[in-house]
Amino acid sequence: MSALAKASGALKSVDYEVFGRVQGVCFRMYTEEEARKLGVVGWVKNTSQGTVTGQVQGPEDKVNAIAIKRIGKPLRLAAVQVP
């Protein structure tokens, strides 16, 4: 077990896709900033279908704490936890 896992408890990885008005409104920059503040890692990108997809990894409590900001229309989030 890594030092990070020992110090922080269970690690969690979540793949997600966000639907709604998320392109052209700085959503990726917002997500990256929130992840940096919480101390989690991952990636985020726009898709050709007009959604944003990504992955976030880190201590379970911090991954659970990441918030999705509503910009304009309500967002729909699809998330799948990766064991």
Protein backbone atom coordinates (compact mmCIF):
# COMPACT_ATOMS: atom_id res chain seq x y z
CA MET A 1 0.00 0.00 0.00
CA SER A 2 1.33 3.45 -0.90
CA ALA A 3 2.03 6.16 1.65
CA LEU A 4 -0.83 8.22 0.17
CA ALA A 5 -3.30 5.36 0.62
CA LYS A 6 -2.15 4.76 4.21
CA ALA A 7 -2.36 8.45 5.10
CA SER A 8 -5.66 9.18 3.39
CA GLY A 9 -7.68 5.98 3.69
CA ALA A 10 -9.44 4.42 0.72
CA LEU A 11 -8.65 5.69 -2.75
CA LYS A 12 -11.40 6.17 -5.31
CA SER A 13 -11.52 6.63 -9.08
CA VAL A 14 -14.61 7.92 -10.88
CA ASP A 15 -15.23 8.24 -14.62
CA TYR A 16 -17.89 10.84 -15.45
CA GLU A 17 -19.70 12.56 -18.30
CA VAL A 18 -21.54 15.85 -17.92
CA PHE A 19 -24.45 16.79 -20.17
CA GLY A 20 -25.94 20.25 -20.62
CA ARG A 21 -24.31 23.58 -21.44
CA VAL A 22 -20.75 22.71 -20.49
CA GLN A 23 -18.73 23.69 -23.56
CA GLY A 24 -17.69 27.29 -24.19
CA VAL A 25 -18.31 28.33 -20.56
CA CYS A 26 -14.92 27.51 -18.96
CA PHE A 27 -16.28 24.31 -17.38
CA ARG A 28 -12.99 22.41 -17.86
CA MET A 29 -10.96 25.22 -16.25
CA TYR A 30 -13.42 25.33 -13.33
CA THR A 31 -13.14 21.55 -12.87
CA GLU A 32 -9.34 21.63 -12.96
CA GLU A 33 -9.26 24.46 -10.39
CA GLU A 34 -11.64 22.62 -8.04
CA ALA A 35 -9.58 19.42 -8.34
CA ARG A 36 -6.37 21.32 -7.54
CA LYS A 37 -7.99 22.89 -4.45
CA LEU A 38 -9.11 19.46 -3.19
CA GLY A 39 -5.85 17.69 -3.98
CA VAL A 40 -7.27 15.14 -6.43
CA VAL A 41 -5.94 14.23 -9.88
CA GLY A 42 -7.43 13.18 -13.20
CA TRP A 43 -8.34 14.59 -16.56
CA VAL A 44 -11.23 16.38 -18.28
CA LYS A 45 -11.99 16.99 -21.98
CA ASN A 46 -14.69 18.13 -24.37
CA THR A 47 -16.30 15.50 -26.59
CA SER A 48 -17.57 15.79 -30.15
CA GLN A 49 -21.10 15.10 -28.79
CA GLY A 50 -21.11 18.41 -26.86
CA THR A 51 -20.51 16.86 -23.45
CA VAL A 52 -17.54 16.91 -21.10
CA THR A 53 -15.98 13.66 -19.95
CA GLY A 54 -13.30 13.00 -17.39
CA GLN A 55 -11.89 11.03 -14.54
CA VAL A 56 -11.07 12.03 -10.97
CA GLN A 57 -8.89 10.04 -8.56
CA GLY A 58 -7.80 10.47 -4.98
CA PRO A 59 -8.84 9.87 -1.39
CA GLU A 60 -12.49 8.82 -1.29
CA ASP A 61 -13.67 11.76 0.84
CA LYS A 62 -12.04 14.29 -1.50
CA VAL A 63 -13.39 12.65 -4.67
CA ASN A 64 -16.86 12.66 -3.10
CA ALA A 65 -16.47 16.37 -2.27
CA ILE A 66 -15.86 17.60 -5.82
CA ALA A 67 -18.79 19.78 -6.84
CA ILE A 68 -20.32 20.25 -10.25
CA LYS A 69 -21.11 23.91 -10.90
CA ARG A 70 -24.38 24.67 -12.63
CA ILE A 71 -23.87 27.05 -15.54
CA GLY A 72 -27.05 28.14 -17.31
CA LYS A 73 -29.31 25.13 -17.86
CA PRO A 74 -29.37 22.33 -15.27
CA LEU A 75 -26.66 19.72 -15.76
CA ARG A 76 -27.06 15.97 -15.93
CA LEU A 77 -24.13 13.94 -14.61
CA ALA A 78 -23.42 10.30 -15.38
CA ALA A 79 -20.72 8.83 -13.13
CA VAL A 80 -19.37 5.33 -12.89
CA GLN A 81 -17.09 4.32 -10.02
CA VAL A 82 -14.07 2.33 -11.09
CA PRO A 83 -13.09 -0.32 -8.51
